[in-house]
Amino acid sequence: MFSGAPILIAEDNLYLALDLSIAIEEMDGRVVGPAPSVADALKFLATHHVAAAIVDCQLIDRDAAPLARQLAERQVPFVIHTATSVPAMVTEFHPHVPVLMKPLQPRAVLACLLDEMRKMRHPVSS
């Protein structure tokens, strides 16, 4: 489904990051990360091509607003996968970003991400 697309995972919960990673690989995607901090996620974004991202709002070093801003500026589709409220600055950079509340099955998160990729005309197969 992802046709080898590189997907950034910004998630500080090791178990959730692992579940998402496995699901991405099962759907023919390539995992970038996982990044447990905004700093790590920004490093991955600077050094890797990223077709899409899954972002937790609160990572170990701070909220994900700087990452959301970079993704929006680069026109990288992403979804918010969180158990906390979304900071206003995050939705300011991308007001239509889907917010998925935890807990949610990895495949449901990825289905939403695929929809976002299709909306932004990133190449994925059905």
PDB file of N, CA and C in Angstrom:
ATOM      1  N   MET A   1       0.803  -1.202   0.000  1.00  0.00           N
ATOM      2  CA  MET A   1       0.000   0.000   0.000  1.00  0.00           C
ATOM      3  C   MET A   1       0.849   1.270   0.000  1.00  0.00           C
ATOM      4  N   PHE A   2       1.957   1.263   0.761  1.00  0.00           N
ATOM      5  CA  PHE A   2       2.813   2.441   0.802  1.00  0.00           C
ATOM      6  C   PHE A   2       3.846   2.456  -0.323  1.00  0.00           C
ATOM      7  N   SER A   3       3.960   1.375  -1.051  1.00  0.00           N
ATOM      8  CA  SER A   3       4.864   1.296  -2.211  1.00  0.00           C
ATOM      9  C   SER A   3       6.276   1.757  -1.891  1.00  0.00           C
ATOM     10  N   GLY A   4       6.784   1.351  -0.739  1.00  0.00           N
ATOM     11  CA  GLY A   4       8.150   1.687  -0.359  1.00  0.00           C
ATOM     12  C   GLY A   4       8.333   3.090   0.172  1.00  0.00           C
ATOM     13  N   ALA A   5       7.263   3.834   0.368  1.00  0.00           N
ATOM     14  CA  ALA A   5       7.359   5.218   0.846  1.00  0.00           C
ATOM     15  C   ALA A   5       7.964   5.262   2.249  1.00  0.00           C
ATOM     16  N   PRO A   6       8.873   6.222   2.493  1.00  0.00           N
ATOM     17  CA  PRO A   6       9.455   6.385   3.824  1.00  0.00           C
ATOM     18  C   PRO A   6       8.518   7.171   4.745  1.00  0.00           C
ATOM     19  N   ILE A   7       8.197   6.575   5.880  1.00  0.00           N
ATOM     20  CA  ILE A   7       7.248   7.154   6.821  1.00  0.00           C
ATOM     21  C   ILE A   7       7.968   7.450   8.136  1.00  0.00           C
ATOM     22  N   LEU A   8       7.953   8.700   8.550  1.00  0.00           N
ATOM     23  CA  LEU A   8       8.563   9.104   9.816  1.00  0.00           C
ATOM     24  C   LEU A   8       7.602   8.807  10.959  1.00  0.00           C
ATOM     25  N   ILE A   9       8.135   8.184  12.001  1.00  0.00           N
ATOM     26  CA  ILE A   9       7.366   7.960  13.224  1.00  0.00           C
ATOM     27  C   ILE A   9       7.995   8.803  14.317  1.00  0.00           C
ATOM     28  N   ALA A  10       7.225   9.753  14.852  1.00  0.00           N
ATOM     29  CA  ALA A  10       7.656  10.575  15.986  1.00  0.00           C
ATOM     30  C   ALA A  10       6.796  10.159  17.174  1.00  0.00           C
ATOM     31  N   GLU A  11       7.323   9.245  17.962  1.00  0.00           N
ATOM     32  CA  GLU A  11       6.564   8.626  19.059  1.00  0.00           C
ATOM     33  C   GLU A  11       7.546   8.254  20.163  1.00  0.00           C
ATOM     34  N   ASP A  12       7.259   8.682  21.403  1.00  0.00           N
ATOM     35  CA  ASP A  12       8.165   8.385  22.505  1.00  0.00           C
ATOM     36  C   ASP A  12       7.812   7.113  23.269  1.00  0.00           C
ATOM     37  N   ASN A  13       6.667   6.523  22.983  1.00  0.00           N
ATOM     38  CA  ASN A  13       6.309   5.255  23.608  1.00  0.00           C
ATOM     39  C   ASN A  13       6.881   4.137  22.749  1.00  0.00           C
ATOM     40  N   LEU A  14       7.854   3.423  23.288  1.00  0.00           N
ATOM     41  CA  LEU A  14       8.569   2.393  22.543  1.00  0.00           C
ATOM     42  C   LEU A  14       7.626   1.338  21.973  1.00  0.00           C
ATOM     43  N   TYR A  15       6.641   0.922  22.743  1.00  0.00           N
ATOM     44  CA  TYR A  15       5.734  -0.129  22.289  1.00  0.00           C
ATOM     45  C   TYR A  15       4.840   0.340  21.141  1.00  0.00           C
ATOM     46  N   LEU A  16       4.328   1.556  21.250  1.00  0.00           N
ATOM     47  CA  LEU A  16       3.519   2.102  20.153  1.00  0.00           C
ATOM     48  C   LEU A  16       4.371   2.303  18.904  1.00  0.00           C
ATOM     49  N   ALA A  17       5.584   2.803  19.087  1.00  0.00           N
ATOM     50  CA  ALA A  17       6.480   3.006  17.947  1.00  0.00           C
ATOM     51  C   ALA A  17       6.780   1.677  17.261  1.00  0.00           C
ATOM     52  N   LEU A  18       6.985   0.636  18.038  1.00  0.00           N
ATOM     53  CA  LEU A  18       7.253  -0.688  17.473  1.00  0.00           C
ATOM     54  C   LEU A  18       6.031  -1.219  16.730  1.00  0.00           C
ATOM     55  N   ASP A  19       4.852  -1.088  17.316  1.00  0.00           N
ATOM     56  CA  ASP A  19       3.616  -1.540  16.653  1.00  0.00           C
ATOM     57  C   ASP A  19       3.404  -0.805  15.330  1.00  0.00           C
ATOM     58  N   LEU A  20       3.613   0.509  15.339  1.00  0.00           N
ATOM     59  CA  LEU A  20       3.454   1.288  14.114  1.00  0.00           C
ATOM     60  C   LEU A  20       4.504   0.895  13.075  1.00  0.00           C
ATOM     61  N   SER A  21       5.735   0.673  13.519  1.00  0.00           N
ATOM     62  CA  SER A  21       6.814   0.272  12.607  1.00  0.00           C
ATOM     63  C   SER A  21       6.498  -1.040  11.914  1.00  0.00           C
ATOM     64  N   ILE A  22       6.052  -2.005  12.680  1.00  0.00           N
ATOM     65  CA  ILE A  22       5.702  -3.320  12.115  1.00  0.00           C
ATOM     66  C   ILE A  22       4.572  -3.173  11.105  1.00  0.00           C
ATOM     67  N   ALA A  23       3.546  -2.400  11.462  1.00  0.00           N
ATOM     68  CA  ALA A  23       2.401  -2.215  10.561  1.00  0.00           C
ATOM     69  C   ALA A  23       2.825  -1.518   9.270  1.00  0.00           C
ATOM     70  N   ILE A  24       3.696  -0.526   9.362  1.00  0.00           N
ATOM     71  CA  ILE A  24       4.181   0.165   8.167  1.00  0.00           C
ATOM     72  C   ILE A  24       4.930  -0.807   7.266  1.00  0.00           C
ATOM     73  N   GLU A  25       5.808  -1.603   7.837  1.00  0.00           N
ATOM     74  CA  GLU A  25       6.568  -2.571   7.041  1.00  0.00           C
ATOM     75  C   GLU A  25       5.657  -3.626   6.421  1.00  0.00           C
ATOM     76  N   GLU A  26       4.631  -4.052   7.154  1.00  0.00           N
ATOM     77  CA  GLU A  26       3.677  -5.017   6.612  1.00  0.00           C
ATOM     78  C   GLU A  26       2.889  -4.443   5.438  1.00  0.00           C
ATOM     79  N   MET A  27       2.773  -3.111   5.398  1.00  0.00           N
ATOM     80  CA  MET A  27       2.044  -2.443   4.316  1.00  0.00           C
ATOM     81  C   MET A  27       3.021  -1.872   3.282  1.00  0.00           C
ATOM     82  N   ASP A  28       4.211  -2.457   3.203  1.00  0.00           N
ATOM     83  CA  ASP A  28       5.208  -2.121   2.188  1.00  0.00           C
ATOM     84  C   ASP A  28       5.749  -0.704   2.298  1.00  0.00           C
ATOM     85  N   GLY A  29       5.847  -0.193   3.530  1.00  0.00           N
ATOM     86  CA  GLY A  29       6.464   1.110   3.747  1.00  0.00           C
ATOM     87  C   GLY A  29       7.834   0.937   4.370  1.00  0.00           C
ATOM     88  N   ARG A  30       8.592   2.026   4.381  1.00  0.00           N
ATOM     89  CA  ARG A  30       9.898   2.045   5.042  1.00  0.00           C
ATOM     90  C   ARG A  30       9.796   2.985   6.232  1.00  0.00           C
ATOM     91  N   VAL A  31      10.285   2.540   7.363  1.00  0.00           N
ATOM     92  CA  VAL A  31      10.212   3.322   8.593  1.00  0.00           C
ATOM     93  C   VAL A  31      11.419   4.255   8.684  1.00  0.00           C
ATOM     94  N   VAL A  32      11.139   5.521   8.960  1.00  0.00           N
ATOM     95  CA  VAL A  32      12.179   6.483   9.295  1.00  0.00           C
ATOM     96  C   VAL A  32      11.999   6.750  10.782  1.00  0.00           C
ATOM     97  N   GLY A  33      13.000   6.418  11.568  1.00  0.00           N
ATOM     98  CA  GLY A  33      12.906   6.532  13.028  1.00  0.00           C
ATOM     99  C   GLY A  33      12.750   5.153  13.637  1.00  0.00           C
ATOM    100  N   PRO A  34      11.995   5.079  14.663  1.00  0.00           N
ATOM    101  CA  PRO A  34      11.164   6.071  15.314  1.00  0.00           C
ATOM    102  C   PRO A  34      12.002   7.109  16.072  1.00  0.00           C
ATOM    103  N   ALA A  35      11.439   8.295  16.196  1.00  0.00           N
ATOM    104  CA  ALA A  35      12.063   9.410  16.893  1.00  0.00           C
ATOM    105  C   ALA A  35      11.306   9.666  18.191  1.00  0.00           C
ATOM    106  N   PRO A  36      11.963   9.510  19.346  1.00  0.00           N
ATOM    107  CA  PRO A  36      11.275   9.748  20.618  1.00  0.00           C
ATOM    108  C   PRO A  36      11.227  11.214  21.031  1.00  0.00           C
ATOM    109  N   SER A  37      11.939  12.084  20.303  1.00  0.00           N
ATOM    110  CA  SER A  37      11.977  13.499  20.654  1.00  0.00           C
ATOM    111  C   SER A  37      11.794  14.356  19.401  1.00  0.00           C
ATOM    112  N   VAL A  38      11.414  15.597  19.609  1.00  0.00           N
ATOM    113  CA  VAL A  38      11.287  16.535  18.494  1.00  0.00           C
ATOM    114  C   VAL A  38      12.658  16.732  17.851  1.00  0.00           C
ATOM    115  N   ALA A  39      13.691  16.846  18.676  1.00  0.00           N
ATOM    116  CA  ALA A  39      15.047  17.031  18.147  1.00  0.00           C
ATOM    117  C   ALA A  39      15.435  15.882  17.220  1.00  0.00           C
ATOM    118  N   ASP A  40      15.164  14.652  17.635  1.00  0.00           N
ATOM    119  CA  ASP A  40      15.477  13.487  16.794  1.00  0.00           C
ATOM    120  C   ASP A  40      14.649  13.506  15.516  1.00  0.00           C
ATOM    121  N   ALA A  41      13.370  13.827  15.639  1.00  0.00           N
ATOM    122  CA  ALA A  41      12.494  13.849  14.461  1.00  0.00           C
ATOM    123  C   ALA A  41      12.965  14.894  13.450  1.00  0.00           C
ATOM    124  N   LEU A  42      13.373  16.062  13.930  1.00  0.00           N
ATOM    125  CA  LEU A  42      13.868  17.099  13.029  1.00  0.00           C
ATOM    126  C   LEU A  42      15.169  16.681  12.348  1.00  0.00           C
ATOM    127  N   LYS A  43      16.014  15.932  13.067  1.00  0.00           N
ATOM    128  CA  LYS A  43      17.244  15.408  12.455  1.00  0.00           C
ATOM    129  C   LYS A  43      16.905  14.418  11.340  1.00  0.00           C
ATOM    130  N   PHE A  44      15.971  13.527  11.607  1.00  0.00           N
ATOM    131  CA  PHE A  44      15.546  12.578  10.570  1.00  0.00           C
ATOM    132  C   PHE A  44      14.976  13.322   9.368  1.00  0.00           C
ATOM    133  N   LEU A  45      14.179  14.332   9.627  1.00  0.00           N
ATOM    134  CA  LEU A  45      13.561  15.103   8.555  1.00  0.00           C
ATOM    135  C   LEU A  45      14.622  15.823   7.709  1.00  0.00           C
ATOM    136  N   ALA A  46      15.688  16.258   8.348  1.00  0.00           N
ATOM    137  CA  ALA A  46      16.759  16.964   7.641  1.00  0.00           C
ATOM    138  C   ALA A  46      17.646  16.024   6.821  1.00  0.00           C
ATOM    139  N   THR A  47      17.701  14.758   7.221  1.00  0.00           N
ATOM    140  CA  THR A  47      18.654  13.838   6.583  1.00  0.00           C
ATOM    141  C   THR A  47      18.010  12.728   5.755  1.00  0.00           C
ATOM    142  N   HIS A  48      16.697  12.634   5.781  1.00  0.00           N
ATOM    143  CA  HIS A  48      15.996  11.582   5.044  1.00  0.00           C
ATOM    144  C   HIS A  48      14.845  12.180   4.232  1.00  0.00           C
ATOM    145  N   HIS A  49      14.593  11.583   3.081  1.00  0.00           N
ATOM    146  CA  HIS A  49      13.361  11.917   2.378  1.00  0.00           C
ATOM    147  C   HIS A  49      12.227  11.273   3.153  1.00  0.00           C
ATOM    148  N   VAL A  50      11.192  12.030   3.436  1.00  0.00           N
ATOM    149  CA  VAL A  50      10.031  11.531   4.180  1.00  0.00           C
ATOM    150  C   VAL A  50       8.791  11.802   3.347  1.00  0.00           C
ATOM    151  N   ALA A  51       8.011  10.760   3.077  1.00  0.00           N
ATOM    152  CA  ALA A  51       6.789  10.900   2.290  1.00  0.00           C
ATOM    153  C   ALA A  51       5.584  11.257   3.156  1.00  0.00           C
ATOM    154  N   ALA A  52       5.652  10.890   4.444  1.00  0.00           N
ATOM    155  CA  ALA A  52       4.543  11.145   5.367  1.00  0.00           C
ATOM    156  C   ALA A  52       5.043  10.911   6.786  1.00  0.00           C
ATOM    157  N   ALA A  53       4.223  11.296   7.769  1.00  0.00           N
ATOM    158  CA  ALA A  53       4.640  11.143   9.160  1.00  0.00           C
ATOM    159  C   ALA A  53       3.460  10.876  10.084  1.00  0.00           C
ATOM    160  N   ILE A  54       3.780  10.178  11.168  1.00  0.00           N
ATOM    161  CA  ILE A  54       2.852   9.961  12.277  1.00  0.00           C
ATOM    162  C   ILE A  54       3.486  10.665  13.466  1.00  0.00           C
ATOM    163  N   VAL A  55       2.749  11.595  14.076  1.00  0.00           N
ATOM    164  CA  VAL A  55       3.330  12.456  15.103  1.00  0.00           C
ATOM    165  C   VAL A  55       2.517  12.405  16.388  1.00  0.00           C
ATOM    166  N   ASP A  56       3.193  12.087  17.486  1.00  0.00           N
ATOM    167  CA  ASP A  56       2.591  12.237  18.807  1.00  0.00           C
ATOM    168  C   ASP A  56       2.762  13.700  19.203  1.00  0.00           C
ATOM    169  N   CYS A  57       1.756  14.291  19.822  1.00  0.00           N
ATOM    170  CA  CYS A  57       1.824  15.720  20.172  1.00  0.00           C
ATOM    171  C   CYS A  57       2.851  16.036  21.246  1.00  0.00           C
ATOM    172  N   GLN A  58       3.062  15.119  22.162  1.00  0.00           N
ATOM    173  CA  GLN A  58       3.986  15.370  23.259  1.00  0.00           C
ATOM    174  C   GLN A  58       5.083  14.314  23.225  1.00  0.00           C
ATOM    175  N   LEU A  59       6.290  14.729  22.861  1.00  0.00           N
ATOM    176  CA  LEU A  59       7.435  13.824  22.825  1.00  0.00           C
ATOM    177  C   LEU A  59       8.292  14.069  24.066  1.00  0.00           C
ATOM    178  N   ILE A  60       9.383  13.337  24.217  1.00  0.00           N
ATOM    179  CA  ILE A  60      10.113  13.399  25.489  1.00  0.00           C
ATOM    180  C   ILE A  60      10.742  14.759  25.774  1.00  0.00           C
ATOM    181  N   ASP A  61      11.017  15.550  24.744  1.00  0.00           N
ATOM    182  CA  ASP A  61      11.676  16.836  24.991  1.00  0.00           C
ATOM    183  C   ASP A  61      10.735  18.038  24.951  1.00  0.00           C
ATOM    184  N   ARG A  62       9.570  17.927  24.316  1.00  0.00           N
ATOM    185  CA  ARG A  62       8.644  19.060  24.217  1.00  0.00           C
ATOM    186  C   ARG A  62       7.442  18.686  23.363  1.00  0.00           C
ATOM    187  N   ASP A  63       6.536  19.659  23.158  1.00  0.00           N
ATOM    188  CA  ASP A  63       5.408  19.396  22.263  1.00  0.00           C
ATOM    189  C   ASP A  63       5.911  19.426  20.819  1.00  0.00           C
ATOM    190  N   ALA A  64       5.133  18.885  19.921  1.00  0.00           N
ATOM    191  CA  ALA A  64       5.575  18.649  18.541  1.00  0.00           C
ATOM    192  C   ALA A  64       5.351  19.833  17.602  1.00  0.00           C
ATOM    193  N   ALA A  65       5.087  21.019  18.122  1.00  0.00           N
ATOM    194  CA  ALA A  65       4.823  22.175  17.259  1.00  0.00           C
ATOM    195  C   ALA A  65       5.941  22.447  16.250  1.00  0.00           C
ATOM    196  N   PRO A  66       7.224  22.416  16.634  1.00  0.00           N
ATOM    197  CA  PRO A  66       8.270  22.671  15.631  1.00  0.00           C
ATOM    198  C   PRO A  66       8.292  21.625  14.518  1.00  0.00           C
ATOM    199  N   LEU A  67       8.007  20.392  14.869  1.00  0.00           N
ATOM    200  CA  LEU A  67       7.954  19.326  13.868  1.00  0.00           C
ATOM    201  C   LEU A  67       6.756  19.524  12.949  1.00  0.00           C
ATOM    202  N   ALA A  68       5.606  19.851  13.513  1.00  0.00           N
ATOM    203  CA  ALA A  68       4.409  20.094  12.699  1.00  0.00           C
ATOM    204  C   ALA A  68       4.656  21.239  11.719  1.00  0.00           C
ATOM    205  N   ARG A  69       5.326  22.285  12.187  1.00  0.00           N
ATOM    206  CA  ARG A  69       5.627  23.418  11.324  1.00  0.00           C
ATOM    207  C   ARG A  69       6.522  22.989  10.155  1.00  0.00           C
ATOM    208  N   GLN A  70       7.565  22.224  10.434  1.00  0.00           N
ATOM    209  CA  GLN A  70       8.469  21.760   9.378  1.00  0.00           C
ATOM    210  C   GLN A  70       7.740  20.862   8.381  1.00  0.00           C
ATOM    211  N   LEU A  71       6.916  19.960   8.878  1.00  0.00           N
ATOM    212  CA  LEU A  71       6.170  19.070   7.983  1.00  0.00           C
ATOM    213  C   LEU A  71       5.225  19.873   7.096  1.00  0.00           C
ATOM    214  N   ALA A  72       4.521  20.826   7.683  1.00  0.00           N
ATOM    215  CA  ALA A  72       3.583  21.648   6.914  1.00  0.00           C
ATOM    216  C   ALA A  72       4.331  22.486   5.870  1.00  0.00           C
ATOM    217  N   GLU A  73       5.454  23.077   6.252  1.00  0.00           N
ATOM    218  CA  GLU A  73       6.230  23.887   5.311  1.00  0.00           C
ATOM    219  C   GLU A  73       6.739  23.059   4.137  1.00  0.00           C
ATOM    220  N   ARG A  74       7.085  21.808   4.415  1.00  0.00           N
ATOM    221  CA  ARG A  74       7.589  20.915   3.364  1.00  0.00           C
ATOM    222  C   ARG A  74       6.464  20.201   2.623  1.00  0.00           C
ATOM    223  N   GLN A  75       5.235  20.464   3.018  1.00  0.00           N
ATOM    224  CA  GLN A  75       4.054  19.832   2.438  1.00  0.00           C
ATOM    225  C   GLN A  75       4.102  18.306   2.562  1.00  0.00           C
ATOM    226  N   VAL A  76       4.563  17.840   3.711  1.00  0.00           N
ATOM    227  CA  VAL A  76       4.591  16.415   4.020  1.00  0.00           C
ATOM    228  C   VAL A  76       3.295  16.084   4.763  1.00  0.00           C
ATOM    229  N   PRO A  77       2.499  15.178   4.220  1.00  0.00           N
ATOM    230  CA  PRO A  77       1.261  14.807   4.925  1.00  0.00           C
ATOM    231  C   PRO A  77       1.578  14.098   6.239  1.00  0.00           C
ATOM    232  N   PHE A  78       0.765  14.391   7.246  1.00  0.00           N
ATOM    233  CA  PHE A  78       0.971  13.732   8.535  1.00  0.00           C
ATOM    234  C   PHE A  78      -0.342  13.631   9.282  1.00  0.00           C
ATOM    235  N   VAL A  79      -0.342  12.767  10.288  1.00  0.00           N
ATOM    236  CA  VAL A  79      -1.462  12.641  11.210  1.00  0.00           C
ATOM    237  C   VAL A  79      -0.918  12.797  12.620  1.00  0.00           C
ATOM    238  N   ILE A  80      -1.770  13.300  13.488  1.00  0.00           N
ATOM    239  CA  ILE A  80      -1.448  13.393  14.910  1.00  0.00           C
ATOM    240  C   ILE A  80      -2.048  12.161  15.580  1.00  0.00           C
ATOM    241  N   HIS A  81      -1.222  11.443  16.323  1.00  0.00           N
ATOM    242  CA  HIS A  81      -1.662  10.255  17.058  1.00  0.00           C
ATOM    243  C   HIS A  81      -1.289  10.517  18.513  1.00  0.00           C
ATOM    244  N   THR A  82      -2.266  10.865  19.335  1.00  0.00           N
ATOM    245  CA  THR A  82      -1.947  11.379  20.659  1.00  0.00           C
ATOM    246  C   THR A  82      -2.952  10.949  21.718  1.00  0.00           C
ATOM    247  N   ALA A  83      -2.514  11.059  22.966  1.00  0.00           N
ATOM    248  CA  ALA A  83      -3.408  10.834  24.100  1.00  0.00           C
ATOM    249  C   ALA A  83      -3.662  12.146  24.835  1.00  0.00           C
ATOM    250  N   THR A  84      -3.034  13.218  24.359  1.00  0.00           N
ATOM    251  CA  THR A  84      -3.167  14.523  24.992  1.00  0.00           C
ATOM    252  C   THR A  84      -3.845  15.502  24.033  1.00  0.00           C
ATOM    253  N   SER A  85      -4.165  16.657  24.551  1.00  0.00           N
ATOM    254  CA  SER A  85      -4.766  17.670  23.678  1.00  0.00           C
ATOM    255  C   SER A  85      -3.717  18.199  22.710  1.00  0.00           C
ATOM    256  N   VAL A  86      -4.182  18.693  21.588  1.00  0.00           N
ATOM    257  CA  VAL A  86      -3.296  19.192  20.543  1.00  0.00           C
ATOM    258  C   VAL A  86      -3.016  20.667  20.808  1.00  0.00           C
ATOM    259  N   PRO A  87      -1.717  21.031  20.920  1.00  0.00           N
ATOM    260  CA  PRO A  87      -1.404  22.449  21.119  1.00  0.00           C
ATOM    261  C   PRO A  87      -1.923  23.295  19.955  1.00  0.00           C
ATOM    262  N   ALA A  88      -2.398  24.488  20.264  1.00  0.00           N
ATOM    263  CA  ALA A  88      -2.954  25.380  19.248  1.00  0.00           C
ATOM    264  C   ALA A  88      -1.959  25.647  18.130  1.00  0.00           C
ATOM    265  N   MET A  89      -0.672  25.734  18.460  1.00  0.00           N
ATOM    266  CA  MET A  89       0.338  26.005  17.440  1.00  0.00           C
ATOM    267  C   MET A  89       0.405  24.890  16.396  1.00  0.00           C
ATOM    268  N   VAL A  90       0.136  23.659  16.796  1.00  0.00           N
ATOM    269  CA  VAL A  90       0.185  22.544  15.852  1.00  0.00           C
ATOM    270  C   VAL A  90      -0.922  22.692  14.815  1.00  0.00           C
ATOM    271  N   THR A  91      -2.129  22.932  15.267  1.00  0.00           N
ATOM    272  CA  THR A  91      -3.238  23.062  14.309  1.00  0.00           C
ATOM    273  C   THR A  91      -3.142  24.361  13.507  1.00  0.00           C
ATOM    274  N   GLU A  92      -2.415  25.335  14.026  1.00  0.00           N
ATOM    275  CA  GLU A  92      -2.202  26.582  13.284  1.00  0.00           C
ATOM    276  C   GLU A  92      -1.405  26.318  12.004  1.00  0.00           C
ATOM    277  N   PHE A  93      -0.416  25.438  12.074  1.00  0.00           N
ATOM    278  CA  PHE A  93       0.432  25.153  10.917  1.00  0.00           C
ATOM    279  C   PHE A  93      -0.280  24.274   9.900  1.00  0.00           C
ATOM    280  N   HIS A  94      -1.185  23.461  10.366  1.00  0.00           N
ATOM    281  CA  HIS A  94      -1.897  22.551   9.475  1.00  0.00           C
ATOM    282  C   HIS A  94      -3.291  22.348  10.058  1.00  0.00           C
ATOM    283  N   PRO A  95      -4.206  23.271   9.803  1.00  0.00           N
ATOM    284  CA  PRO A  95      -5.508  23.250  10.479  1.00  0.00           C
ATOM    285  C   PRO A  95      -6.369  22.019  10.189  1.00  0.00           C
ATOM    286  N   HIS A  96      -6.101  21.324   9.110  1.00  0.00           N
ATOM    287  CA  HIS A  96      -6.930  20.176   8.768  1.00  0.00           C
ATOM    288  C   HIS A  96      -6.260  18.846   9.078  1.00  0.00           C
ATOM    289  N   VAL A  97      -5.179  18.878   9.853  1.00  0.00           N
ATOM    290  CA  VAL A  97      -4.479  17.638  10.178  1.00  0.00           C
ATOM    291  C   VAL A  97      -5.411  16.729  10.996  1.00  0.00           C
ATOM    292  N   PRO A  98      -5.510  15.458  10.598  1.00  0.00           N
ATOM    293  CA  PRO A  98      -6.340  14.535  11.380  1.00  0.00           C
ATOM    294  C   PRO A  98      -5.721  14.286  12.763  1.00  0.00           C
ATOM    295  N   VAL A  99      -6.561  14.301  13.770  1.00  0.00           N
ATOM    296  CA  VAL A  99      -6.134  14.017  15.138  1.00  0.00           C
ATOM    297  C   VAL A  99      -6.777  12.708  15.549  1.00  0.00           C
ATOM    298  N   LEU A 100      -5.942  11.722  15.811  1.00  0.00           N
ATOM    299  CA  LEU A 100      -6.393  10.387  16.183  1.00  0.00           C
ATOM    300  C   LEU A 100      -6.035  10.155  17.646  1.00  0.00           C
ATOM    301  N   MET A 101      -7.043   9.879  18.450  1.00  0.00           N
ATOM    302  CA  MET A 101      -6.815   9.709  19.879  1.00  0.00           C
ATOM    303  C   MET A 101      -6.417   8.272  20.204  1.00  0.00           C
ATOM    304  N   LYS A 102      -5.376   8.141  21.011  1.00  0.00           N
ATOM    305  CA  LYS A 102      -4.912   6.836  21.475  1.00  0.00           C
ATOM    306  C   LYS A 102      -5.901   6.316  22.509  1.00  0.00           C
ATOM    307  N   PRO A 103      -6.049   5.026  22.656  1.00  0.00           N
ATOM    308  CA  PRO A 103      -5.419   3.970  21.864  1.00  0.00           C
ATOM    309  C   PRO A 103      -6.194   3.713  20.570  1.00  0.00           C
ATOM    310  N   LEU A 104      -5.452   3.411  19.548  1.00  0.00           N
ATOM    311  CA  LEU A 104      -6.030   3.118  18.246  1.00  0.00           C
ATOM    312  C   LEU A 104      -5.154   2.063  17.584  1.00  0.00           C
ATOM    313  N   GLN A 105      -5.753   1.155  16.877  1.00  0.00           N
ATOM    314  CA  GLN A 105      -4.989   0.107  16.190  1.00  0.00           C
ATOM    315  C   GLN A 105      -4.078   0.738  15.140  1.00  0.00           C
ATOM    316  N   PRO A 106      -2.845   0.246  15.006  1.00  0.00           N
ATOM    317  CA  PRO A 106      -1.915   0.801  14.014  1.00  0.00           C
ATOM    318  C   PRO A 106      -2.486   0.867  12.605  1.00  0.00           C
ATOM    319  N   ARG A 107      -3.235  -0.140  12.197  1.00  0.00           N
ATOM    320  CA  ARG A 107      -3.790  -0.128  10.838  1.00  0.00           C
ATOM    321  C   ARG A 107      -4.788   1.007  10.631  1.00  0.00           C
ATOM    322  N   ALA A 108      -5.512   1.389  11.671  1.00  0.00           N
ATOM    323  CA  ALA A 108      -6.442   2.522  11.565  1.00  0.00           C
ATOM    324  C   ALA A 108      -5.660   3.823  11.399  1.00  0.00           C
ATOM    325  N   VAL A 109      -4.555   3.953  12.120  1.00  0.00           N
ATOM    326  CA  VAL A 109      -3.699   5.133  11.981  1.00  0.00           C
ATOM    327  C   VAL A 109      -3.148   5.198  10.560  1.00  0.00           C
ATOM    328  N   LEU A 110      -2.688   4.064  10.052  1.00  0.00           N
ATOM    329  CA  LEU A 110      -2.099   4.027   8.713  1.00  0.00           C
ATOM    330  C   LEU A 110      -3.141   4.251   7.619  1.00  0.00           C
ATOM    331  N   ALA A 111      -4.352   3.800   7.826  1.00  0.00           N
ATOM    332  CA  ALA A 111      -5.415   4.058   6.842  1.00  0.00           C
ATOM    333  C   ALA A 111      -5.664   5.558   6.728  1.00  0.00           C
ATOM    334  N   CYS A 112      -5.682   6.235   7.852  1.00  0.00           N
ATOM    335  CA  CYS A 112      -5.867   7.684   7.843  1.00  0.00           C
ATOM    336  C   CYS A 112      -4.668   8.367   7.178  1.00  0.00           C
ATOM    337  N   LEU A 113      -3.465   7.893   7.459  1.00  0.00           N
ATOM    338  CA  LEU A 113      -2.272   8.464   6.843  1.00  0.00           C
ATOM    339  C   LEU A 113      -2.294   8.283   5.324  1.00  0.00           C
ATOM    340  N   LEU A 114      -2.707   7.116   4.865  1.00  0.00           N
ATOM    341  CA  LEU A 114      -2.830   6.878   3.425  1.00  0.00           C
ATOM    342  C   LEU A 114      -3.810   7.865   2.791  1.00  0.00           C
ATOM    343  N   ASP A 115      -4.918   8.124   3.469  1.00  0.00           N
ATOM    344  CA  ASP A 115      -5.886   9.105   2.964  1.00  0.00           C
ATOM    345  C   ASP A 115      -5.246  10.483   2.835  1.00  0.00           C
ATOM    346  N   GLU A 116      -4.469  10.881   3.833  1.00  0.00           N
ATOM    347  CA  GLU A 116      -3.784  12.180   3.783  1.00  0.00           C
ATOM    348  C   GLU A 116      -2.780  12.223   2.630  1.00  0.00           C
ATOM    349  N   MET A 117      -2.078  11.120   2.412  1.00  0.00           N
ATOM    350  CA  MET A 117      -1.113  11.066   1.319  1.00  0.00           C
ATOM    351  C   MET A 117      -1.823  11.195  -0.024  1.00  0.00           C
ATOM    352  N   ARG A 118      -2.947  10.537  -0.146  1.00  0.00           N
ATOM    353  CA  ARG A 118      -3.718  10.630  -1.400  1.00  0.00           C
ATOM    354  C   ARG A 118      -4.208  12.056  -1.629  1.00  0.00           C
ATOM    355  N   LYS A 119      -4.668  12.709  -0.578  1.00  0.00           N
ATOM    356  CA  LYS A 119      -5.150  14.091  -0.699  1.00  0.00           C
ATOM    357  C   LYS A 119      -4.051  15.023  -1.187  1.00  0.00           C
ATOM    358  N   MET A 120      -2.830  14.766  -0.761  1.00  0.00           N
ATOM    359  CA  MET A 120      -1.717  15.631  -1.150  1.00  0.00           C
ATOM    360  C   MET A 120      -0.989  15.105  -2.388  1.00  0.00           C
ATOM    361  N   ARG A 121      -1.624  14.109  -3.019  1.00  0.00           N
ATOM    362  CA  ARG A 121      -1.132  13.545  -4.278  1.00  0.00           C
ATOM    363  C   ARG A 121       0.263  12.931  -4.177  1.00  0.00           C
ATOM    364  N   HIS A 122       0.530  12.296  -3.045  1.00  0.00           N
ATOM    365  CA  HIS A 122       1.771  11.543  -2.924  1.00  0.00           C
ATOM    366  C   HIS A 122       1.513  10.148  -3.454  1.00  0.00           C
ATOM    367  N   PRO A 123       2.469   9.573  -4.182  1.00  0.00           N
ATOM    368  CA  PRO A 123       2.221   8.292  -4.827  1.00  0.00           C
ATOM    369  C   PRO A 123       2.091   7.131  -3.838  1.00  0.00           C
ATOM    370  N   VAL A 124       0.918   6.551  -3.792  1.00  0.00           N
ATOM    371  CA  VAL A 124       0.669   5.324  -3.044  1.00  0.00           C
ATOM    372  C   VAL A 124      -0.290   4.488  -3.866  1.00  0.00           C
ATOM    373  N   SER A 125      -0.203   3.194  -3.725  1.00  0.00           N
ATOM    374  CA  SER A 125      -1.145   2.320  -4.425  1.00  0.00           C
ATOM    375  C   SER A 125      -2.191   1.825  -3.459  1.00  0.00           C
ATOM    376  N   SER A 126      -3.321   1.417  -3.978  1.00  0.00           N
ATOM    377  CA  SER A 126      -4.413   0.973  -3.107  1.00  0.00           C
ATOM    378  C   SER A 126      -4.238  -0.434  -2.664  1.00  0.00           C
TER     379      SER A 126
END
